[in-house]
Protein backbone atom coordinates (compact mmCIF):
# COMPACT_ATOMS: atom_id res chain seq x y z
CA MET A 1 0.00 0.00 0.00
CA THR A 2 1.24 3.47 -0.89
CA VAL A 3 0.87 6.01 1.90
CA PRO A 4 0.62 9.77 1.40
CA TYR A 5 3.53 10.68 3.69
CA ASN A 6 5.83 13.05 1.80
CA ALA A 7 4.01 12.04 -1.37
CA ASP A 8 5.75 13.08 -4.54
CA ILE A 9 4.18 12.97 -7.99
CA THR A 10 4.87 9.27 -8.47
CA LYS A 11 3.34 8.32 -5.11
CA LEU A 12 0.24 10.43 -5.84
CA TYR A 13 -0.09 8.77 -9.24
CA ASN A 14 0.08 5.35 -7.59
CA ILE A 15 -2.47 6.31 -4.93
CA TYR A 16 -5.03 7.74 -7.35
CA GLY A 17 -4.24 5.84 -10.52
CA LEU A 18 -2.97 2.40 -9.63
CA ASP A 19 -4.01 1.66 -6.05
CA SER A 20 -7.45 3.23 -6.51
CA PHE A 21 -7.79 4.73 -3.08
CA ALA A 22 -10.61 7.24 -2.75
CA SER A 23 -8.04 9.92 -1.94
CA ALA A 24 -4.45 10.33 -0.80
CA LEU A 25 -5.74 10.72 2.75
CA GLY A 26 -7.64 7.46 2.32
CA ALA A 27 -4.39 5.67 1.52
CA ALA A 28 -3.32 6.19 5.13
CA ASN A 29 -5.79 3.68 6.59
CA PRO A 30 -8.96 1.73 5.70
CA GLU A 31 -11.24 3.82 7.92
CA GLU A 32 -10.15 7.05 6.26
CA ASP A 33 -10.56 5.45 2.84
CA PHE A 34 -14.18 4.62 3.72
CA VAL A 35 -14.84 8.16 4.98
CA GLU A 36 -13.28 9.68 1.85
CA ALA A 37 -15.28 7.36 -0.42
CA TYR A 38 -18.47 8.32 1.45
CA ALA A 39 -17.73 12.05 1.13
CA ILE A 40 -16.86 11.83 -2.57
CA GLN A 41 -19.96 9.75 -3.30
CA ALA A 42 -22.19 12.18 -1.34
CA VAL A 43 -20.90 15.13 -3.39
CA THR A 44 -21.27 13.16 -6.63
CA GLU A 45 -24.87 12.16 -5.90
CA SER A 46 -25.87 15.66 -4.83
CA SER A 47 -24.21 17.31 -7.86
CA PRO A 48 -23.79 14.74 -10.66
CA GLN A 49 -22.44 17.37 -13.04
CA PHE A 50 -19.52 18.16 -10.69
CA LYS A 51 -16.27 16.46 -11.68
CA LEU A 52 -13.34 16.42 -9.28
CA ARG A 53 -10.29 16.19 -11.53
CA LEU A 54 -6.71 15.74 -10.44
CA THR A 55 -3.88 16.29 -12.93
CA ILE A 56 -0.73 14.34 -12.21
CA ASP A 57 2.38 14.53 -14.37
CA PRO A 58 4.66 11.61 -13.45
CA LYS A 59 7.76 11.47 -15.62
CA GLY A 60 6.26 13.86 -18.17
CA ALA A 61 3.22 11.68 -18.89
CA ARG A 62 0.34 13.98 -17.95
CA THR A 63 -2.60 12.08 -16.50
CA VAL A 64 -5.98 13.51 -15.57
CA ILE A 65 -7.88 11.41 -13.05
CA THR A 66 -11.53 12.11 -12.32
CA VAL A 67 -11.61 11.26 -8.63
CA ASN A 68 -15.40 10.94 -8.47
CA ASP A 69 -15.75 8.85 -11.64
CA PRO A 70 -18.11 5.99 -10.72
CA ASP A 71 -16.09 3.55 -12.81
CA ARG A 72 -12.85 4.43 -11.03
CA ASN A 73 -13.82 2.87 -7.70
CA SER A 74 -17.17 1.28 -8.45
CA ASN A 75 -16.79 -1.32 -5.69
CA LYS A 76 -15.88 1.33 -3.11
CA PHE A 77 -18.51 3.86 -4.16
CA GLY A 78 -21.12 1.13 -4.54
CA CYS A 79 -20.55 0.16 -0.92
CA VAL A 80 -21.30 3.63 0.40
CA HIS A 81 -24.11 4.31 -2.10
CA ASP A 82 -26.56 2.23 -0.05
CA LEU A 83 -25.75 4.32 3.02
CA LEU A 84 -26.68 7.52 1.14
CA ALA A 85 -29.95 6.23 -0.34
CA PRO A 86 -33.08 7.84 1.13
């Protein structure tokens, strides 16, 4: 697991792009990952048009990651979706 301590560009890319944590803060521990997934899903459901994009440029290969893309962490966001349903 990649943790966000002193995260450089490569570590951030791994956290958001490869490891698929909800956020860099979520990479620190499972509880925080759940809380971050819940918060991101709540914002996404309340404002579906809002896109939280993070641009990372590891080794000159610019990557744009949409943090609240439902396909990015469908298992994680699906888990918290039921908690947000009315």
